[in-house]
Amino acid sequence: MKKIGFLLLILFLLKVPAHAYEFGLNFHGFSYHPDRTNSEGERFHEWNPGIGARLILSESRRHVWLAEGGIYSNSTGHASKYAGGGYRFRLPAGFEAGPTLVLYQSPDQNSGKTFLAPLLVFSFRYKRTLFHVVPAPRYKNVNRNAVVGFYATVNLWKSNR
C-alpha cells in the first residue's frame, strides 16, 4: 500500500509542473500544546524544525488549489512526514483559509500507521512569504494531544501566466 501511494505521489508531482503557478519551500518551526506534557509526563518539544515544498496548482483572485509535502521533527523528537493537497479561500488583507487533506505518518500518531488527516489551515501572505497556522485537535487514539502547528512558506518561483 505504501509503495502504491508513493508511486501515485511521484506520478502526480511529475505531471503537475506543467500547470504549476507558484513553487515554495516550507520551513517548519514551532508548535503549541495546550497539554504541556504527554501521557508519560514529559514536556513537548515545541521547536519543530523541518522542510517541505508547496506547489500552487491553480489560482484565481479568490481561490487557490495546492499540493504540499514535507518532513519535520515532531514534538516528541521523531520524524513526521506528510503529503497532500488543499484549497484556500482568499480573504481580504492577505489572509487565506481552507481545508487540506494529507497522508500523514508519525511514530506518535495512529500507532505509527500512515493515515489520512483532514486539517484546516489559516495563512497570512506578506510579499513572497506565507505564515501558516494549523490546529490539530485531540482525536481518539489517532492524535492523543491537541496541538497548533506554525510554519512558513517562502515562494521561490512564480510562472508568468
N, C-alpha and C. Protein backbone atom coordinates (compact mmCIF):
# COMPACT_ATOMS: atom_id res chain seq x y z
N MET A 1 0.83 -1.20 0.00
CA MET A 1 0.00 0.00 0.00
C MET A 1 0.87 1.26 0.00
N LYS A 2 1.93 1.27 0.82
CA LYS A 2 2.81 2.44 0.87
C LYS A 2 3.48 2.68 -0.47
N LYS A 3 3.91 1.58 -1.16
CA LYS A 3 4.57 1.71 -2.45
C LYS A 3 3.62 2.30 -3.49
N ILE A 4 2.37 1.89 -3.47
CA ILE A 4 1.39 2.42 -4.43
C ILE A 4 1.15 3.90 -4.18
N GLY A 5 0.99 4.28 -2.92
CA GLY A 5 0.79 5.68 -2.57
C GLY A 5 1.98 6.53 -2.97
N PHE A 6 3.18 6.03 -2.74
CA PHE A 6 4.39 6.76 -3.10
C PHE A 6 4.48 6.91 -4.62
N LEU A 7 4.18 5.83 -5.37
CA LEU A 7 4.22 5.88 -6.83
C LEU A 7 3.20 6.88 -7.36
N LEU A 8 1.99 6.89 -6.81
CA LEU A 8 0.98 7.85 -7.24
C LEU A 8 1.42 9.29 -6.97
N LEU A 9 2.06 9.51 -5.82
CA LEU A 9 2.55 10.85 -5.49
C LEU A 9 3.63 11.28 -6.48
N ILE A 10 4.56 10.41 -6.82
CA ILE A 10 5.61 10.72 -7.78
C ILE A 10 5.01 11.05 -9.15
N LEU A 11 4.07 10.22 -9.62
CA LEU A 11 3.42 10.49 -10.91
C LEU A 11 2.69 11.82 -10.90
N PHE A 12 2.01 12.11 -9.80
CA PHE A 12 1.28 13.37 -9.66
C PHE A 12 2.25 14.55 -9.73
N LEU A 13 3.37 14.46 -9.01
CA LEU A 13 4.33 15.56 -8.99
C LEU A 13 5.03 15.74 -10.33
N LEU A 14 5.20 14.66 -11.11
CA LEU A 14 5.80 14.78 -12.43
C LEU A 14 4.86 15.46 -13.43
N LYS A 15 3.57 15.24 -13.27
CA LYS A 15 2.58 15.84 -14.16
C LYS A 15 2.30 17.31 -13.83
N VAL A 16 2.34 17.65 -12.56
CA VAL A 16 1.90 18.95 -12.09
C VAL A 16 2.72 20.15 -12.57
N PRO A 17 4.06 20.08 -12.67
CA PRO A 17 4.82 21.29 -13.00
C PRO A 17 4.38 22.01 -14.27
N ALA A 18 3.82 21.30 -15.25
CA ALA A 18 3.35 21.96 -16.46
C ALA A 18 2.22 22.94 -16.16
N HIS A 19 1.50 22.73 -15.07
CA HIS A 19 0.37 23.59 -14.72
C HIS A 19 0.64 24.42 -13.47
N ALA A 20 1.81 24.29 -12.91
CA ALA A 20 2.10 24.97 -11.65
C ALA A 20 2.16 26.47 -11.84
N TYR A 21 1.71 27.17 -10.85
CA TYR A 21 1.71 28.62 -10.88
C TYR A 21 2.76 29.19 -9.95
N GLU A 22 2.98 28.53 -8.82
CA GLU A 22 3.91 29.06 -7.82
C GLU A 22 4.54 27.90 -7.05
N PHE A 23 5.85 28.01 -6.75
CA PHE A 23 6.55 26.97 -6.01
C PHE A 23 7.29 27.60 -4.84
N GLY A 24 7.18 26.97 -3.66
CA GLY A 24 7.88 27.49 -2.49
C GLY A 24 8.36 26.38 -1.58
N LEU A 25 9.24 26.75 -0.68
CA LEU A 25 9.74 25.82 0.34
C LEU A 25 9.04 26.08 1.66
N ASN A 26 8.62 25.00 2.32
CA ASN A 26 8.02 25.10 3.65
C ASN A 26 9.13 24.97 4.69
N PHE A 27 9.14 25.86 5.65
CA PHE A 27 10.08 25.79 6.76
C PHE A 27 9.26 25.61 8.03
N HIS A 28 9.36 24.43 8.62
CA HIS A 28 8.61 24.14 9.83
C HIS A 28 9.38 24.68 11.02
N GLY A 29 8.61 25.06 12.05
CA GLY A 29 9.29 25.70 13.15
C GLY A 29 8.75 25.43 14.53
N PHE A 30 7.51 25.73 14.79
CA PHE A 30 7.03 25.75 16.16
C PHE A 30 5.68 25.04 16.30
N SER A 31 5.39 24.65 17.53
CA SER A 31 4.07 24.12 17.86
C SER A 31 3.72 24.57 19.27
N TYR A 32 2.44 24.52 19.55
CA TYR A 32 1.95 24.84 20.90
C TYR A 32 1.01 23.73 21.33
N HIS A 33 1.23 23.19 22.53
CA HIS A 33 0.39 22.13 23.08
C HIS A 33 -0.35 22.64 24.32
N PRO A 34 -1.69 22.69 24.27
CA PRO A 34 -2.44 23.09 25.47
C PRO A 34 -2.12 22.18 26.67
N ASP A 35 -1.97 20.86 26.39
CA ASP A 35 -1.50 19.93 27.43
C ASP A 35 0.02 20.05 27.38
N ARG A 36 0.62 20.63 28.37
CA ARG A 36 2.04 20.93 28.31
C ARG A 36 2.93 19.68 28.33
N THR A 37 2.36 18.53 28.75
CA THR A 37 3.14 17.29 28.80
C THR A 37 2.36 16.15 28.17
N ASN A 38 3.08 15.10 27.75
CA ASN A 38 2.41 13.94 27.16
C ASN A 38 1.92 13.00 28.27
N SER A 39 1.42 11.85 27.88
CA SER A 39 0.82 10.92 28.86
C SER A 39 1.85 10.35 29.84
N GLU A 40 3.14 10.40 29.49
CA GLU A 40 4.18 9.95 30.42
C GLU A 40 4.71 11.08 31.29
N GLY A 41 4.14 12.27 31.15
CA GLY A 41 4.57 13.41 31.95
C GLY A 41 5.77 14.17 31.38
N GLU A 42 6.19 13.84 30.16
CA GLU A 42 7.32 14.53 29.53
C GLU A 42 6.84 15.76 28.80
N ARG A 43 7.60 16.85 28.90
CA ARG A 43 7.25 18.08 28.20
C ARG A 43 7.44 17.91 26.70
N PHE A 44 6.55 18.53 25.94
CA PHE A 44 6.66 18.50 24.48
C PHE A 44 7.78 19.43 24.02
N HIS A 45 8.45 19.04 22.93
CA HIS A 45 9.41 19.92 22.26
C HIS A 45 8.59 20.82 21.35
N GLU A 46 8.64 22.10 21.58
CA GLU A 46 7.82 22.99 20.76
C GLU A 46 8.64 23.69 19.68
N TRP A 47 9.89 23.33 19.53
CA TRP A 47 10.72 23.72 18.39
C TRP A 47 10.74 22.51 17.48
N ASN A 48 10.16 22.64 16.29
CA ASN A 48 9.95 21.51 15.38
C ASN A 48 10.53 21.79 13.99
N PRO A 49 11.85 21.79 13.84
CA PRO A 49 12.43 22.12 12.53
C PRO A 49 12.12 21.07 11.48
N GLY A 50 12.00 21.53 10.25
CA GLY A 50 11.75 20.63 9.14
C GLY A 50 11.66 21.40 7.84
N ILE A 51 11.53 20.67 6.76
CA ILE A 51 11.46 21.31 5.44
C ILE A 51 10.44 20.57 4.57
N GLY A 52 9.88 21.30 3.63
CA GLY A 52 8.91 20.72 2.71
C GLY A 52 8.80 21.58 1.48
N ALA A 53 7.83 21.26 0.64
CA ALA A 53 7.61 22.02 -0.59
C ALA A 53 6.12 22.25 -0.77
N ARG A 54 5.80 23.37 -1.42
CA ARG A 54 4.40 23.74 -1.68
C ARG A 54 4.30 24.15 -3.13
N LEU A 55 3.32 23.62 -3.82
CA LEU A 55 3.14 23.88 -5.24
C LEU A 55 1.71 24.34 -5.47
N ILE A 56 1.55 25.54 -6.03
CA ILE A 56 0.22 26.03 -6.39
C ILE A 56 -0.15 25.40 -7.74
N LEU A 57 -1.26 24.70 -7.75
CA LEU A 57 -1.71 24.02 -8.97
C LEU A 57 -2.59 24.92 -9.82
N SER A 58 -3.41 25.73 -9.15
CA SER A 58 -4.33 26.63 -9.84
C SER A 58 -4.71 27.74 -8.86
N GLU A 59 -4.82 28.93 -9.37
CA GLU A 59 -5.27 30.01 -8.50
C GLU A 59 -6.02 31.06 -9.30
N SER A 60 -6.87 31.76 -8.59
CA SER A 60 -7.60 32.89 -9.15
C SER A 60 -7.58 33.99 -8.09
N ARG A 61 -8.31 35.03 -8.33
CA ARG A 61 -8.34 36.14 -7.37
C ARG A 61 -8.84 35.70 -6.00
N ARG A 62 -9.72 34.69 -5.93
CA ARG A 62 -10.33 34.25 -4.67
C ARG A 62 -10.01 32.83 -4.24
N HIS A 63 -9.43 32.01 -5.14
CA HIS A 63 -9.26 30.59 -4.84
C HIS A 63 -7.85 30.11 -5.13
N VAL A 64 -7.36 29.18 -4.32
CA VAL A 64 -6.04 28.57 -4.51
C VAL A 64 -6.18 27.06 -4.31
N TRP A 65 -5.65 26.28 -5.26
CA TRP A 65 -5.56 24.83 -5.14
C TRP A 65 -4.08 24.49 -5.08
N LEU A 66 -3.68 23.64 -4.13
CA LEU A 66 -2.26 23.42 -3.92
C LEU A 66 -1.95 21.98 -3.52
N ALA A 67 -0.68 21.63 -3.65
CA ALA A 67 -0.16 20.35 -3.16
C ALA A 67 1.06 20.69 -2.32
N GLU A 68 1.27 19.93 -1.24
CA GLU A 68 2.45 20.15 -0.43
C GLU A 68 2.84 18.88 0.31
N GLY A 69 4.06 18.85 0.75
CA GLY A 69 4.55 17.71 1.50
C GLY A 69 5.85 18.07 2.18
N GLY A 70 6.25 17.26 3.15
CA GLY A 70 7.49 17.54 3.84
C GLY A 70 7.76 16.60 4.99
N ILE A 71 8.79 16.94 5.73
CA ILE A 71 9.20 16.17 6.90
C ILE A 71 9.68 17.15 7.96
N TYR A 72 9.37 16.85 9.22
CA TYR A 72 9.80 17.72 10.31
C TYR A 72 9.96 16.90 11.58
N SER A 73 10.66 17.47 12.54
CA SER A 73 10.84 16.84 13.84
C SER A 73 9.63 17.20 14.70
N ASN A 74 8.86 16.19 15.10
CA ASN A 74 7.64 16.49 15.85
C ASN A 74 7.93 16.80 17.32
N SER A 75 6.90 16.96 18.08
CA SER A 75 7.03 17.42 19.46
C SER A 75 7.59 16.39 20.43
N THR A 76 7.80 15.17 19.95
CA THR A 76 8.48 14.16 20.77
C THR A 76 9.88 13.86 20.22
N GLY A 77 10.28 14.60 19.17
CA GLY A 77 11.60 14.43 18.59
C GLY A 77 11.68 13.41 17.48
N HIS A 78 10.55 12.84 17.07
CA HIS A 78 10.52 11.87 15.98
C HIS A 78 10.21 12.57 14.65
N ALA A 79 10.56 11.92 13.56
CA ALA A 79 10.27 12.46 12.24
C ALA A 79 8.81 12.21 11.88
N SER A 80 8.13 13.27 11.43
CA SER A 80 6.76 13.18 10.92
C SER A 80 6.80 13.56 9.45
N LYS A 81 6.08 12.80 8.60
CA LYS A 81 6.07 13.04 7.17
C LYS A 81 4.63 13.26 6.71
N TYR A 82 4.47 14.13 5.71
CA TYR A 82 3.13 14.39 5.18
C TYR A 82 3.21 14.72 3.69
N ALA A 83 2.12 14.43 2.98
CA ALA A 83 1.97 14.78 1.56
C ALA A 83 0.48 14.84 1.27
N GLY A 84 0.06 15.89 0.58
CA GLY A 84 -1.36 16.00 0.28
C GLY A 84 -1.68 17.25 -0.51
N GLY A 85 -2.93 17.61 -0.47
CA GLY A 85 -3.39 18.76 -1.22
C GLY A 85 -4.45 19.52 -0.47
N GLY A 86 -4.71 20.72 -0.95
CA GLY A 86 -5.69 21.53 -0.26
C GLY A 86 -6.26 22.65 -1.11
N TYR A 87 -7.15 23.37 -0.49
CA TYR A 87 -7.83 24.51 -1.09
C TYR A 87 -7.74 25.67 -0.11
N ARG A 88 -7.55 26.86 -0.63
CA ARG A 88 -7.58 28.06 0.21
C ARG A 88 -8.52 29.08 -0.42
N PHE A 89 -9.34 29.66 0.42
CA PHE A 89 -10.19 30.78 0.02
C PHE A 89 -9.47 32.04 0.43
N ARG A 90 -9.23 32.92 -0.53
CA ARG A 90 -8.53 34.16 -0.24
C ARG A 90 -9.48 35.16 0.41
N LEU A 91 -9.02 35.67 1.53
CA LEU A 91 -9.77 36.67 2.28
C LEU A 91 -9.07 38.02 2.12
N PRO A 92 -9.68 39.10 2.56
CA PRO A 92 -9.02 40.41 2.44
C PRO A 92 -7.72 40.49 3.26
N ALA A 93 -6.90 41.44 2.91
CA ALA A 93 -5.69 41.82 3.64
C ALA A 93 -4.63 40.71 3.70
N GLY A 94 -4.57 39.82 2.70
CA GLY A 94 -3.53 38.80 2.65
C GLY A 94 -3.83 37.52 3.41
N PHE A 95 -5.03 37.38 3.97
CA PHE A 95 -5.38 36.17 4.71
C PHE A 95 -5.98 35.12 3.77
N GLU A 96 -5.76 33.85 4.11
CA GLU A 96 -6.34 32.71 3.40
C GLU A 96 -6.76 31.67 4.42
N ALA A 97 -7.77 30.87 4.08
CA ALA A 97 -8.19 29.79 4.97
C ALA A 97 -8.82 28.70 4.13
N GLY A 98 -8.61 27.45 4.56
CA GLY A 98 -9.24 26.36 3.85
C GLY A 98 -8.75 25.00 4.29
N PRO A 99 -9.41 23.96 3.79
CA PRO A 99 -9.08 22.58 4.19
C PRO A 99 -7.89 22.02 3.42
N THR A 100 -7.21 21.11 4.08
CA THR A 100 -6.12 20.34 3.48
C THR A 100 -6.33 18.89 3.87
N LEU A 101 -6.05 18.00 2.96
CA LEU A 101 -6.14 16.57 3.23
C LEU A 101 -4.76 15.98 2.96
N VAL A 102 -4.13 15.44 4.00
CA VAL A 102 -2.77 14.92 3.84
C VAL A 102 -2.66 13.46 4.29
N LEU A 103 -1.78 12.74 3.62
CA LEU A 103 -1.33 11.45 4.12
C LEU A 103 -0.27 11.78 5.15
N TYR A 104 -0.43 11.28 6.36
CA TYR A 104 0.45 11.67 7.46
C TYR A 104 1.00 10.41 8.10
N GLN A 105 2.31 10.43 8.41
CA GLN A 105 2.92 9.30 9.09
C GLN A 105 3.85 9.81 10.17
N SER A 106 3.66 9.29 11.37
CA SER A 106 4.49 9.62 12.52
C SER A 106 4.43 8.44 13.48
N PRO A 107 5.55 8.12 14.14
CA PRO A 107 5.50 7.02 15.11
C PRO A 107 4.62 7.34 16.32
N ASP A 108 4.25 8.60 16.49
CA ASP A 108 3.48 9.02 17.67
C ASP A 108 1.97 9.11 17.45
N GLN A 109 1.52 9.03 16.21
CA GLN A 109 0.09 9.11 15.93
C GLN A 109 -0.36 7.82 15.25
N ASN A 110 -1.57 7.41 15.56
CA ASN A 110 -2.22 6.27 14.92
C ASN A 110 -1.33 5.02 14.96
N SER A 111 -0.68 4.79 16.07
CA SER A 111 0.19 3.61 16.26
C SER A 111 1.27 3.50 15.18
N GLY A 112 1.69 4.63 14.64
CA GLY A 112 2.75 4.65 13.63
C GLY A 112 2.29 4.36 12.22
N LYS A 113 1.00 4.07 12.03
CA LYS A 113 0.47 3.76 10.70
C LYS A 113 0.10 5.04 9.96
N THR A 114 0.37 5.07 8.65
CA THR A 114 0.01 6.20 7.81
C THR A 114 -1.51 6.35 7.79
N PHE A 115 -1.99 7.58 7.85
CA PHE A 115 -3.43 7.82 7.81
C PHE A 115 -3.74 9.11 7.07
N LEU A 116 -4.98 9.27 6.68
CA LEU A 116 -5.45 10.47 6.01
C LEU A 116 -5.94 11.45 7.06
N ALA A 117 -5.35 12.64 7.08
CA ALA A 117 -5.70 13.64 8.09
C ALA A 117 -6.35 14.86 7.44
N PRO A 118 -7.59 15.18 7.79
CA PRO A 118 -8.21 16.42 7.33
C PRO A 118 -7.82 17.55 8.29
N LEU A 119 -7.29 18.63 7.76
CA LEU A 119 -6.86 19.75 8.59
C LEU A 119 -7.42 21.05 8.03
N LEU A 120 -7.58 22.03 8.88
CA LEU A 120 -7.98 23.36 8.47
C LEU A 120 -6.75 24.25 8.64
N VAL A 121 -6.36 24.94 7.58
CA VAL A 121 -5.15 25.77 7.61
C VAL A 121 -5.52 27.23 7.44
N PHE A 122 -4.92 28.07 8.27
CA PHE A 122 -5.09 29.52 8.19
C PHE A 122 -3.74 30.11 7.81
N SER A 123 -3.74 31.02 6.82
CA SER A 123 -2.49 31.58 6.32
C SER A 123 -2.57 33.08 6.19
N PHE A 124 -1.39 33.70 6.25
CA PHE A 124 -1.26 35.13 6.01
C PHE A 124 -0.08 35.33 5.08
N ARG A 125 -0.30 36.07 3.99
CA ARG A 125 0.75 36.32 2.99
C ARG A 125 1.33 37.72 3.20
N TYR A 126 2.66 37.75 3.26
CA TYR A 126 3.39 39.03 3.27
C TYR A 126 4.45 38.93 2.18
N LYS A 127 4.22 39.63 1.08
CA LYS A 127 5.09 39.58 -0.10
C LYS A 127 5.24 38.14 -0.57
N ARG A 128 6.47 37.58 -0.57
CA ARG A 128 6.71 36.21 -1.06
C ARG A 128 6.62 35.16 0.04
N THR A 129 6.26 35.54 1.24
CA THR A 129 6.24 34.61 2.37
C THR A 129 4.82 34.43 2.90
N LEU A 130 4.48 33.18 3.18
CA LEU A 130 3.20 32.87 3.83
C LEU A 130 3.48 32.30 5.21
N PHE A 131 2.69 32.70 6.18
CA PHE A 131 2.78 32.19 7.54
C PHE A 131 1.51 31.38 7.80
N HIS A 132 1.69 30.13 8.23
CA HIS A 132 0.56 29.21 8.37
C HIS A 132 0.35 28.81 9.83
N VAL A 133 -0.92 28.62 10.18
CA VAL A 133 -1.33 28.11 11.49
C VAL A 133 -2.22 26.90 11.22
N VAL A 134 -1.88 25.76 11.86
CA VAL A 134 -2.61 24.52 11.64
C VAL A 134 -3.02 23.92 12.98
N PRO A 135 -4.27 24.09 13.40
CA PRO A 135 -4.73 23.42 14.63
C PRO A 135 -5.07 21.96 14.34
N ALA A 136 -4.63 21.07 15.23
CA ALA A 136 -4.96 19.65 15.13
C ALA A 136 -5.54 19.22 16.47
N PRO A 137 -6.84 18.99 16.52
CA PRO A 137 -7.47 18.63 17.80
C PRO A 137 -7.11 17.21 18.25
N ARG A 138 -7.32 16.95 19.51
CA ARG A 138 -7.19 15.59 20.03
C ARG A 138 -8.29 14.75 19.38
N TYR A 139 -7.92 13.55 18.93
CA TYR A 139 -8.91 12.68 18.30
C TYR A 139 -8.60 11.22 18.61
N LYS A 140 -9.39 10.62 19.46
CA LYS A 140 -9.29 9.21 19.85
C LYS A 140 -7.83 8.80 20.05
N ASN A 141 -7.44 7.66 19.49
CA ASN A 141 -6.05 7.20 19.60
C ASN A 141 -5.19 7.66 18.43
N VAL A 142 -5.78 8.38 17.50
CA VAL A 142 -5.03 8.87 16.34
C VAL A 142 -4.12 10.02 16.75
N ASN A 143 -4.66 11.00 17.43
CA ASN A 143 -3.89 12.15 17.91
C ASN A 143 -4.28 12.38 19.37
N ARG A 144 -3.46 11.91 20.27
CA ARG A 144 -3.82 11.91 21.70
C ARG A 144 -3.69 13.27 22.37
N ASN A 145 -2.97 14.21 21.74
CA ASN A 145 -2.78 15.54 22.32
C ASN A 145 -3.08 16.60 21.27
N ALA A 146 -3.91 17.56 21.64
CA ALA A 146 -4.19 18.67 20.73
C ALA A 146 -2.91 19.48 20.53
N VAL A 147 -2.78 20.08 19.34
CA VAL A 147 -1.58 20.86 19.02
C VAL A 147 -1.96 21.93 18.00
N VAL A 148 -1.22 23.02 18.01
CA VAL A 148 -1.31 24.04 16.97
C VAL A 148 0.09 24.17 16.39
N GLY A 149 0.20 23.92 15.08
CA GLY A 149 1.49 24.00 14.40
C GLY A 149 1.65 25.31 13.66
N PHE A 150 2.89 25.77 13.57
CA PHE A 150 3.21 27.02 12.87
C PHE A 150 4.36 26.75 11.90
N TYR A 151 4.19 27.15 10.64
CA TYR A 151 5.27 27.04 9.68
C TYR A 151 5.14 28.15 8.65
N ALA A 152 6.18 28.32 7.84
CA ALA A 152 6.21 29.39 6.84
C ALA A 152 6.56 28.80 5.48
N THR A 153 6.07 29.44 4.42
CA THR A 153 6.42 29.09 3.06
C THR A 153 7.08 30.29 2.42
N VAL A 154 8.26 30.09 1.87
CA VAL A 154 8.95 31.14 1.11
C VAL A 154 8.84 30.75 -0.36
N ASN A 155 8.15 31.58 -1.13
CA ASN A 155 7.94 31.30 -2.54
C ASN A 155 9.19 31.65 -3.34
N LEU A 156 9.67 30.68 -4.12
CA LEU A 156 10.90 30.85 -4.88
C LEU A 156 10.66 31.13 -6.35
N TRP A 157 9.53 30.66 -6.86
CA TRP A 157 9.27 30.77 -8.28
C TRP A 157 7.78 30.98 -8.52
N LYS A 158 7.48 31.80 -9.51
CA LYS A 158 6.10 32.03 -9.91
C LYS A 158 6.05 32.14 -11.42
N SER A 159 5.12 31.42 -12.07
CA SER A 159 5.01 31.49 -13.53
C SER A 159 4.43 32.83 -13.94
N ASN A 160 4.60 33.14 -15.20
CA ASN A 160 4.14 34.44 -15.72
C ASN A 160 2.77 34.35 -16.39
N ARG A 161 1.98 33.36 -16.01
CA ARG A 161 0.65 33.22 -16.63
C ARG A 161 -0.23 34.36 -16.26
